[in-house]
Amino acid sequence: MPLFRFDHQFSLSGISMEPQNFDPRHSGELLKHMDKQNEVLMESYRSMLHELQKLQVEEEMLMRKLYEVMKAHGFGKTNDGNPK
């Protein structure tokens, strides 16, 4: 089941959003709807960016830990820079 579903046609309180049927009298309502959608999208963006940053920090910590484990088991580099 997809996480998100996108429909090409949508309606706003029964107002058709198809370009050929759009009534310009509803442009204020459409603007409010688009502003709200923009807010939702920006909040989603900030949330995903925050999660990505947390995952990047976690990845860096895990890579350091892996390096420590490998070094402790003799899989690290020697003093001359060549791997064992």
N, C-alpha and C. Protein backbone atom coordinates (compact mmCIF):
# COMPACT_ATOMS: atom_id res chain seq x y z
N MET A 1 0.85 -1.18 0.00
CA MET A 1 0.00 0.00 0.00
C MET A 1 0.89 1.24 0.00
N PRO A 2 0.72 2.16 -0.96
CA PRO A 2 1.59 3.33 -1.02
C PRO A 2 1.37 4.26 0.17
N LEU A 3 2.45 4.90 0.56
CA LEU A 3 2.39 5.83 1.68
C LEU A 3 1.62 7.09 1.30
N PHE A 4 1.80 7.55 0.06
CA PHE A 4 1.11 8.74 -0.41
C PHE A 4 0.37 8.41 -1.69
N ARG A 5 -0.75 9.03 -1.89
CA ARG A 5 -1.50 8.86 -3.13
C ARG A 5 -1.79 10.24 -3.71
N PHE A 6 -1.48 10.39 -4.97
CA PHE A 6 -1.70 11.68 -5.62
C PHE A 6 -2.78 11.53 -6.67
N ASP A 7 -3.78 12.39 -6.60
CA ASP A 7 -4.84 12.43 -7.60
C ASP A 7 -4.60 13.64 -8.49
N HIS A 8 -4.86 13.48 -9.78
CA HIS A 8 -4.68 14.59 -10.71
C HIS A 8 -5.81 15.60 -10.61
N GLN A 9 -6.98 15.15 -10.21
CA GLN A 9 -8.10 16.06 -10.06
C GLN A 9 -8.50 16.07 -8.59
N PHE A 10 -8.84 17.23 -8.09
CA PHE A 10 -9.32 17.32 -6.72
C PHE A 10 -10.37 18.43 -6.67
N SER A 11 -11.10 18.43 -5.59
CA SER A 11 -12.09 19.50 -5.45
C SER A 11 -11.94 20.13 -4.08
N LEU A 12 -12.32 21.35 -4.00
CA LEU A 12 -12.23 22.14 -2.79
C LEU A 12 -13.63 22.60 -2.46
N SER A 13 -14.24 21.97 -1.48
CA SER A 13 -15.62 22.28 -1.09
C SER A 13 -16.57 22.21 -2.28
N GLY A 14 -16.37 21.22 -3.12
CA GLY A 14 -17.25 21.03 -4.27
C GLY A 14 -16.92 21.91 -5.46
N ILE A 15 -15.84 22.68 -5.39
CA ILE A 15 -15.45 23.55 -6.49
C ILE A 15 -14.52 22.76 -7.40
N SER A 16 -14.83 22.70 -8.66
CA SER A 16 -13.99 21.98 -9.61
C SER A 16 -12.70 22.75 -9.84
N MET A 17 -11.58 22.02 -9.80
CA MET A 17 -10.28 22.64 -10.02
C MET A 17 -9.77 22.40 -11.44
N GLU A 18 -10.61 21.86 -12.30
CA GLU A 18 -10.22 21.67 -13.69
C GLU A 18 -10.18 23.05 -14.34
N PRO A 19 -9.10 23.36 -15.07
CA PRO A 19 -8.94 24.72 -15.62
C PRO A 19 -10.11 25.19 -16.46
N GLN A 20 -10.70 24.34 -17.26
CA GLN A 20 -11.79 24.77 -18.12
C GLN A 20 -13.07 25.04 -17.34
N ASN A 21 -13.20 24.52 -16.11
CA ASN A 21 -14.41 24.70 -15.31
C ASN A 21 -14.21 25.64 -14.12
N PHE A 22 -13.02 26.19 -13.95
CA PHE A 22 -12.74 27.00 -12.77
C PHE A 22 -13.42 28.35 -12.85
N ASP A 23 -14.11 28.70 -11.77
CA ASP A 23 -14.80 29.99 -11.67
C ASP A 23 -13.87 30.95 -10.93
N PRO A 24 -13.46 32.06 -11.56
CA PRO A 24 -12.53 33.00 -10.92
C PRO A 24 -13.04 33.58 -9.61
N ARG A 25 -14.33 33.49 -9.36
CA ARG A 25 -14.87 34.01 -8.09
C ARG A 25 -14.36 33.22 -6.90
N HIS A 26 -13.84 32.04 -7.14
CA HIS A 26 -13.34 31.20 -6.05
C HIS A 26 -11.83 31.30 -5.86
N SER A 27 -11.22 32.28 -6.48
CA SER A 27 -9.76 32.39 -6.41
C SER A 27 -9.27 32.66 -4.98
N GLY A 28 -10.04 33.38 -4.17
CA GLY A 28 -9.65 33.64 -2.78
C GLY A 28 -9.61 32.35 -1.97
N GLU A 29 -10.63 31.52 -2.16
CA GLU A 29 -10.68 30.24 -1.46
C GLU A 29 -9.54 29.33 -1.93
N LEU A 30 -9.27 29.38 -3.22
CA LEU A 30 -8.17 28.58 -3.77
C LEU A 30 -6.84 29.04 -3.19
N LEU A 31 -6.64 30.34 -3.08
CA LEU A 31 -5.40 30.88 -2.52
C LEU A 31 -5.22 30.43 -1.07
N LYS A 32 -6.30 30.48 -0.28
CA LYS A 32 -6.22 30.01 1.11
C LYS A 32 -5.84 28.54 1.17
N HIS A 33 -6.47 27.75 0.29
CA HIS A 33 -6.18 26.32 0.24
C HIS A 33 -4.71 26.08 -0.13
N MET A 34 -4.21 26.81 -1.11
CA MET A 34 -2.82 26.64 -1.55
C MET A 34 -1.85 27.10 -0.47
N ASP A 35 -2.18 28.16 0.25
CA ASP A 35 -1.34 28.62 1.37
C ASP A 35 -1.26 27.54 2.45
N LYS A 36 -2.40 26.93 2.76
CA LYS A 36 -2.43 25.86 3.76
C LYS A 36 -1.59 24.67 3.29
N GLN A 37 -1.73 24.31 2.02
CA GLN A 37 -0.94 23.21 1.46
C GLN A 37 0.55 23.53 1.53
N ASN A 38 0.90 24.79 1.26
CA ASN A 38 2.29 25.21 1.34
C ASN A 38 2.83 25.05 2.76
N GLU A 39 2.02 25.45 3.76
CA GLU A 39 2.43 25.29 5.16
C GLU A 39 2.65 23.82 5.51
N VAL A 40 1.74 22.97 5.06
CA VAL A 40 1.84 21.53 5.34
C VAL A 40 3.10 20.96 4.68
N LEU A 41 3.34 21.34 3.44
CA LEU A 41 4.53 20.86 2.74
C LEU A 41 5.81 21.35 3.39
N MET A 42 5.85 22.59 3.82
CA MET A 42 7.05 23.12 4.48
C MET A 42 7.30 22.42 5.80
N GLU A 43 6.24 22.14 6.55
CA GLU A 43 6.40 21.42 7.81
C GLU A 43 6.91 20.00 7.55
N SER A 44 6.39 19.38 6.51
CA SER A 44 6.87 18.04 6.13
C SER A 44 8.34 18.09 5.74
N TYR A 45 8.72 19.11 4.98
CA TYR A 45 10.11 19.27 4.57
C TYR A 45 11.01 19.43 5.79
N ARG A 46 10.62 20.30 6.72
CA ARG A 46 11.43 20.52 7.92
C ARG A 46 11.55 19.24 8.75
N SER A 47 10.46 18.52 8.85
CA SER A 47 10.46 17.27 9.60
C SER A 47 11.38 16.24 8.96
N MET A 48 11.30 16.09 7.64
CA MET A 48 12.16 15.13 6.95
C MET A 48 13.62 15.54 7.01
N LEU A 49 13.90 16.83 6.90
CA LEU A 49 15.27 17.32 6.99
C LEU A 49 15.85 17.03 8.38
N HIS A 50 15.04 17.26 9.40
CA HIS A 50 15.48 16.98 10.77
C HIS A 50 15.79 15.49 10.94
N GLU A 51 14.91 14.64 10.42
CA GLU A 51 15.12 13.19 10.51
C GLU A 51 16.36 12.77 9.74
N LEU A 52 16.58 13.36 8.57
CA LEU A 52 17.77 13.06 7.79
C LEU A 52 19.04 13.44 8.55
N GLN A 53 19.03 14.60 9.18
CA GLN A 53 20.20 15.04 9.95
C GLN A 53 20.47 14.10 11.12
N LYS A 54 19.41 13.64 11.79
CA LYS A 54 19.60 12.67 12.87
C LYS A 54 20.20 11.38 12.35
N LEU A 55 19.72 10.92 11.21
CA LEU A 55 20.24 9.68 10.62
C LEU A 55 21.69 9.84 10.18
N GLN A 56 22.05 11.01 9.68
CA GLN A 56 23.45 11.23 9.29
C GLN A 56 24.37 11.20 10.50
N VAL A 57 23.94 11.78 11.61
CA VAL A 57 24.73 11.74 12.84
C VAL A 57 24.86 10.30 13.32
N GLU A 58 23.75 9.56 13.28
CA GLU A 58 23.78 8.16 13.70
C GLU A 58 24.71 7.35 12.80
N GLU A 59 24.66 7.60 11.50
CA GLU A 59 25.55 6.88 10.57
C GLU A 59 27.01 7.16 10.91
N GLU A 60 27.33 8.41 11.16
CA GLU A 60 28.71 8.77 11.50
C GLU A 60 29.16 8.08 12.78
N MET A 61 28.30 8.04 13.77
CA MET A 61 28.64 7.36 15.03
C MET A 61 28.86 5.86 14.81
N LEU A 62 27.99 5.24 13.99
CA LEU A 62 28.14 3.81 13.71
C LEU A 62 29.41 3.52 12.92
N MET A 63 29.75 4.39 11.98
CA MET A 63 30.98 4.19 11.21
C MET A 63 32.21 4.32 12.10
N ARG A 64 32.19 5.26 13.04
CA ARG A 64 33.32 5.38 13.98
C ARG A 64 33.43 4.13 14.85
N LYS A 65 32.29 3.64 15.30
CA LYS A 65 32.28 2.43 16.12
C LYS A 65 32.79 1.24 15.31
N LEU A 66 32.36 1.12 14.06
CA LEU A 66 32.83 0.04 13.19
C LEU A 66 34.34 0.13 13.01
N TYR A 67 34.85 1.32 12.81
CA TYR A 67 36.29 1.52 12.66
C TYR A 67 37.02 1.06 13.92
N GLU A 68 36.48 1.42 15.09
CA GLU A 68 37.11 1.00 16.35
C GLU A 68 37.13 -0.52 16.48
N VAL A 69 36.02 -1.17 16.13
CA VAL A 69 35.93 -2.62 16.22
C VAL A 69 36.91 -3.27 15.24
N MET A 70 36.93 -2.76 14.02
CA MET A 70 37.85 -3.32 13.01
C MET A 70 39.30 -3.14 13.45
N LYS A 71 39.62 -2.00 13.99
CA LYS A 71 40.98 -1.72 14.46
C LYS A 71 41.34 -2.66 15.60
N ALA A 72 40.39 -2.89 16.50
CA ALA A 72 40.65 -3.78 17.64
C ALA A 72 40.86 -5.23 17.19
N HIS A 73 40.29 -5.62 16.07
CA HIS A 73 40.44 -6.98 15.55
C HIS A 73 41.53 -7.08 14.50
N GLY A 74 42.30 -6.03 14.33
CA GLY A 74 43.43 -6.08 13.41
C GLY A 74 43.10 -5.84 11.96
N PHE A 75 41.97 -5.24 11.67
CA PHE A 75 41.61 -4.96 10.28
C PHE A 75 41.87 -3.51 9.88
N GLY A 76 42.48 -2.76 10.75
CA GLY A 76 42.75 -1.35 10.45
C GLY A 76 44.00 -1.19 9.63
N LYS A 77 44.41 0.03 9.37
CA LYS A 77 45.61 0.33 8.61
C LYS A 77 46.83 0.20 9.52
N THR A 78 47.96 -0.14 8.91
CA THR A 78 49.23 -0.19 9.65
C THR A 78 49.79 1.22 9.70
N ASN A 79 50.93 1.39 10.36
CA ASN A 79 51.53 2.71 10.50
C ASN A 79 51.95 3.32 9.16
N ASP A 80 52.28 2.48 8.17
CA ASP A 80 52.69 3.01 6.87
C ASP A 80 51.51 3.37 5.97
N GLY A 81 50.30 3.23 6.47
CA GLY A 81 49.11 3.61 5.71
C GLY A 81 48.55 2.51 4.86
N ASN A 82 49.19 1.34 4.84
CA ASN A 82 48.71 0.21 4.04
C ASN A 82 47.85 -0.70 4.92
N PRO A 83 46.77 -1.24 4.35
CA PRO A 83 45.95 -2.16 5.13
C PRO A 83 46.69 -3.45 5.40
N LYS A 84 46.36 -4.10 6.50
CA LYS A 84 46.99 -5.39 6.84
C LYS A 84 46.47 -6.47 5.95
